[in-house]
Amino acid sequence: LRKRLDMSPIPVNEYMQLALAHPQHGYYMRREVLGEKGDFVTAPEVSQLFGELIGIWVVWVWQELGSPKKMQLVELGPGRGTMMQDILRAVSRFRPLVAGLSVEMVETSPTLRETQRKKLAR
């Protein structure tokens, strides 16, 4: 990062990409940052209620859209995948929604992507 800053001014998006996702030095790449042993705890890690409420909202939106056969659910920065797990638990009783649901999780950390894959494969 220092070498890049010495070259010229750096756009915020490039700075954030380097600071958070650099393969060797990025904040999310070097250690566990979530949870009690990390730097912060998010609402889904404290209680399943937050994710389940979002799941109920997803069902409501799906119904308001006329119950489309296909729907995409995208989570940005999903961490360990806890919130998505809670959302999917809440929508699981709505079979037509689940049958056409495509879930995408956008995560920069390979370690967290693997954690998500394991958690959501259950």
C-alpha atoms as a PDB file:
ATOM      1  CA  LEU A   1       0.000   0.000   0.000  1.00  0.00           C
ATOM      2  CA  ARG A   2       2.788   2.390   0.900  1.00  0.00           C
ATOM      3  CA  LYS A   3       4.475   1.797  -2.488  1.00  0.00           C
ATOM      4  CA  ARG A   4       1.200   2.528  -4.270  1.00  0.00           C
ATOM      5  CA  LEU A   5       0.621   5.706  -2.253  1.00  0.00           C
ATOM      6  CA  ASP A   6       4.137   6.930  -3.063  1.00  0.00           C
ATOM      7  CA  MET A   7       3.403   6.675  -6.810  1.00  0.00           C
ATOM      8  CA  SER A   8       0.409   9.031  -7.001  1.00  0.00           C
ATOM      9  CA  PRO A   9      -2.907   9.875  -5.361  1.00  0.00           C
ATOM     10  CA  ILE A  10      -5.085   6.800  -4.995  1.00  0.00           C
ATOM     11  CA  PRO A  11      -8.863   6.552  -5.510  1.00  0.00           C
ATOM     12  CA  VAL A  12     -10.833   5.518  -2.422  1.00  0.00           C
ATOM     13  CA  ASN A  13     -12.054   2.290  -4.041  1.00  0.00           C
ATOM     14  CA  GLU A  14      -8.492   1.195  -4.831  1.00  0.00           C
ATOM     15  CA  TYR A  15      -7.349   2.087  -1.309  1.00  0.00           C
ATOM     16  CA  MET A  16     -10.183   0.083   0.273  1.00  0.00           C
ATOM     17  CA  GLN A  17      -9.494  -2.900  -2.003  1.00  0.00           C
ATOM     18  CA  LEU A  18      -5.841  -2.934  -0.971  1.00  0.00           C
ATOM     19  CA  ALA A  19      -6.503  -2.286   2.721  1.00  0.00           C
ATOM     20  CA  LEU A  20      -9.213  -4.923   3.069  1.00  0.00           C
ATOM     21  CA  ALA A  21      -8.503  -7.562   0.443  1.00  0.00           C
ATOM     22  CA  HIS A  22      -4.784  -7.558  -0.323  1.00  0.00           C
ATOM     23  CA  PRO A  23      -3.833 -11.278  -0.414  1.00  0.00           C
ATOM     24  CA  GLN A  24      -1.081 -10.942   2.218  1.00  0.00           C
ATOM     25  CA  HIS A  25      -1.836  -7.795   4.179  1.00  0.00           C
ATOM     26  CA  GLY A  26      -5.567  -7.193   3.763  1.00  0.00           C
ATOM     27  CA  TYR A  27      -7.612  -6.794   6.931  1.00  0.00           C
ATOM     28  CA  TYR A  28      -9.997  -9.637   6.027  1.00  0.00           C
ATOM     29  CA  MET A  29      -7.228 -11.895   4.732  1.00  0.00           C
ATOM     30  CA  ARG A  30      -4.852 -12.117   7.661  1.00  0.00           C
ATOM     31  CA  ARG A  31      -6.877 -13.328  10.650  1.00  0.00           C
ATOM     32  CA  GLU A  32     -10.282 -13.903  12.172  1.00  0.00           C
ATOM     33  CA  VAL A  33     -11.878 -10.470  12.522  1.00  0.00           C
ATOM     34  CA  LEU A  34     -15.440 -11.517  13.397  1.00  0.00           C
ATOM     35  CA  GLY A  35     -16.835 -12.729  16.682  1.00  0.00           C
ATOM     36  CA  GLU A  36     -15.715 -12.621  20.291  1.00  0.00           C
ATOM     37  CA  LYS A  37     -12.054 -13.241  19.415  1.00  0.00           C
ATOM     38  CA  GLY A  38     -12.113 -10.757  16.533  1.00  0.00           C
ATOM     39  CA  ASP A  39     -12.501  -7.002  16.264  1.00  0.00           C
ATOM     40  CA  PHE A  40     -16.287  -6.845  16.089  1.00  0.00           C
ATOM     41  CA  VAL A  41     -19.514  -8.809  16.394  1.00  0.00           C
ATOM     42  CA  THR A  42     -22.440  -8.350  14.016  1.00  0.00           C
ATOM     43  CA  ALA A  43     -26.140  -8.721  14.842  1.00  0.00           C
ATOM     44  CA  PRO A  44     -26.531 -12.123  13.125  1.00  0.00           C
ATOM     45  CA  GLU A  45     -23.745 -13.538  15.301  1.00  0.00           C
ATOM     46  CA  VAL A  46     -25.619 -12.448  18.446  1.00  0.00           C
ATOM     47  CA  SER A  47     -29.113 -13.656  17.571  1.00  0.00           C
ATOM     48  CA  GLN A  48     -30.890 -15.429  14.739  1.00  0.00           C
ATOM     49  CA  LEU A  49     -33.800 -12.973  15.032  1.00  0.00           C
ATOM     50  CA  PHE A  50     -32.268 -10.375  12.688  1.00  0.00           C
ATOM     51  CA  GLY A  51     -31.787 -12.819   9.815  1.00  0.00           C
ATOM     52  CA  GLU A  52     -35.178 -14.429  10.351  1.00  0.00           C
ATOM     53  CA  LEU A  53     -36.879 -11.023  10.177  1.00  0.00           C
ATOM     54  CA  ILE A  54     -35.100 -10.356   6.894  1.00  0.00           C
ATOM     55  CA  GLY A  55     -36.305 -13.786   5.743  1.00  0.00           C
ATOM     56  CA  ILE A  56     -39.894 -12.797   6.525  1.00  0.00           C
ATOM     57  CA  TRP A  57     -39.334  -9.576   4.580  1.00  0.00           C
ATOM     58  CA  VAL A  58     -37.966 -11.601   1.625  1.00  0.00           C
ATOM     59  CA  VAL A  59     -41.168 -13.670   1.598  1.00  0.00           C
ATOM     60  CA  TRP A  60     -43.258 -10.482   1.704  1.00  0.00           C
ATOM     61  CA  VAL A  61     -41.304  -8.929  -1.208  1.00  0.00           C
ATOM     62  CA  TRP A  62     -41.622 -12.160  -3.198  1.00  0.00           C
ATOM     63  CA  GLN A  63     -45.396 -12.127  -2.671  1.00  0.00           C
ATOM     64  CA  GLU A  64     -45.637  -8.409  -3.527  1.00  0.00           C
ATOM     65  CA  LEU A  65     -43.800  -9.139  -6.780  1.00  0.00           C
ATOM     66  CA  GLY A  66     -46.493 -11.675  -7.661  1.00  0.00           C
ATOM     67  CA  SER A  67     -44.579 -14.749  -6.460  1.00  0.00           C
ATOM     68  CA  PRO A  68     -42.203 -14.952  -9.442  1.00  0.00           C
ATOM     69  CA  LYS A  69     -40.869 -18.369 -10.377  1.00  0.00           C
ATOM     70  CA  LYS A  70     -37.284 -17.112 -10.050  1.00  0.00           C
ATOM     71  CA  MET A  71     -35.763 -14.737  -7.527  1.00  0.00           C
ATOM     72  CA  GLN A  72     -32.191 -13.819  -6.694  1.00  0.00           C
ATOM     73  CA  LEU A  73     -31.028 -13.121  -3.139  1.00  0.00           C
ATOM     74  CA  VAL A  74     -27.626 -11.408  -2.862  1.00  0.00           C
ATOM     75  CA  GLU A  75     -25.697 -10.663   0.329  1.00  0.00           C
ATOM     76  CA  LEU A  76     -22.666  -8.374   0.221  1.00  0.00           C
ATOM     77  CA  GLY A  77     -19.962  -9.017   2.803  1.00  0.00           C
ATOM     78  CA  PRO A  78     -21.682 -12.032   4.340  1.00  0.00           C
ATOM     79  CA  GLY A  79     -18.924 -12.870   6.812  1.00  0.00           C
ATOM     80  CA  ARG A  80     -19.455 -16.400   8.103  1.00  0.00           C
ATOM     81  CA  GLY A  81     -22.810 -16.760   6.332  1.00  0.00           C
ATOM     82  CA  THR A  82     -24.788 -16.688   9.565  1.00  0.00           C
ATOM     83  CA  MET A  83     -27.381 -14.174   8.383  1.00  0.00           C
ATOM     84  CA  MET A  84     -27.988 -16.038   5.121  1.00  0.00           C
ATOM     85  CA  GLN A  85     -28.401 -19.249   7.074  1.00  0.00           C
ATOM     86  CA  ASP A  86     -31.047 -17.543   9.240  1.00  0.00           C
ATOM     87  CA  ILE A  87     -32.786 -16.028   6.202  1.00  0.00           C
ATOM     88  CA  LEU A  88     -32.935 -19.388   4.435  1.00  0.00           C
ATOM     89  CA  ARG A  89     -34.322 -21.049   7.564  1.00  0.00           C
ATOM     90  CA  ALA A  90     -37.126 -18.465   7.656  1.00  0.00           C
ATOM     91  CA  VAL A  91     -38.061 -18.847   3.972  1.00  0.00           C
ATOM     92  CA  SER A  92     -37.724 -22.643   3.908  1.00  0.00           C
ATOM     93  CA  ARG A  93     -41.453 -23.249   4.445  1.00  0.00           C
ATOM     94  CA  PHE A  94     -42.319 -21.390   1.250  1.00  0.00           C
ATOM     95  CA  ARG A  95     -41.489 -24.173  -1.214  1.00  0.00           C
ATOM     96  CA  PRO A  96     -42.343 -22.267  -4.442  1.00  0.00           C
ATOM     97  CA  LEU A  97     -40.017 -19.439  -3.365  1.00  0.00           C
ATOM     98  CA  VAL A  98     -37.219 -21.809  -2.367  1.00  0.00           C
ATOM     99  CA  ALA A  99     -37.547 -23.773  -5.627  1.00  0.00           C
ATOM    100  CA  GLY A 100     -36.750 -20.683  -7.694  1.00  0.00           C
ATOM    101  CA  LEU A 101     -34.356 -18.964  -5.308  1.00  0.00           C
ATOM    102  CA  SER A 102     -30.798 -18.248  -6.410  1.00  0.00           C
ATOM    103  CA  VAL A 103     -28.460 -17.263  -3.572  1.00  0.00           C
ATOM    104  CA  GLU A 104     -25.289 -15.277  -4.216  1.00  0.00           C
ATOM    105  CA  MET A 105     -22.828 -14.217  -1.542  1.00  0.00           C
ATOM    106  CA  VAL A 106     -20.172 -11.651  -2.421  1.00  0.00           C
ATOM    107  CA  GLU A 107     -17.128 -12.164  -0.196  1.00  0.00           C
ATOM    108  CA  THR A 108     -13.469 -11.194  -0.693  1.00  0.00           C
ATOM    109  CA  SER A 109     -11.954 -13.544   1.888  1.00  0.00           C
ATOM    110  CA  PRO A 110     -11.253 -17.091   0.665  1.00  0.00           C
ATOM    111  CA  THR A 111     -11.343 -18.308   4.278  1.00  0.00           C
ATOM    112  CA  LEU A 112     -14.778 -16.814   4.885  1.00  0.00           C
ATOM    113  CA  ARG A 113     -16.057 -18.169   1.533  1.00  0.00           C
ATOM    114  CA  GLU A 114     -15.070 -21.654   2.692  1.00  0.00           C
ATOM    115  CA  THR A 115     -16.775 -21.083   6.062  1.00  0.00           C
ATOM    116  CA  GLN A 116     -19.939 -19.980   4.233  1.00  0.00           C
ATOM    117  CA  ARG A 117     -19.834 -22.972   1.923  1.00  0.00           C
ATOM    118  CA  LYS A 118     -19.629 -25.362   4.883  1.00  0.00           C
ATOM    119  CA  LYS A 119     -22.298 -23.568   6.886  1.00  0.00           C
ATOM    120  CA  LEU A 120     -24.819 -23.378   4.060  1.00  0.00           C
ATOM    121  CA  ALA A 121     -24.192 -26.921   2.804  1.00  0.00           C
ATOM    122  CA  ARG A 122     -25.934 -28.323   5.874  1.00  0.00           C
END
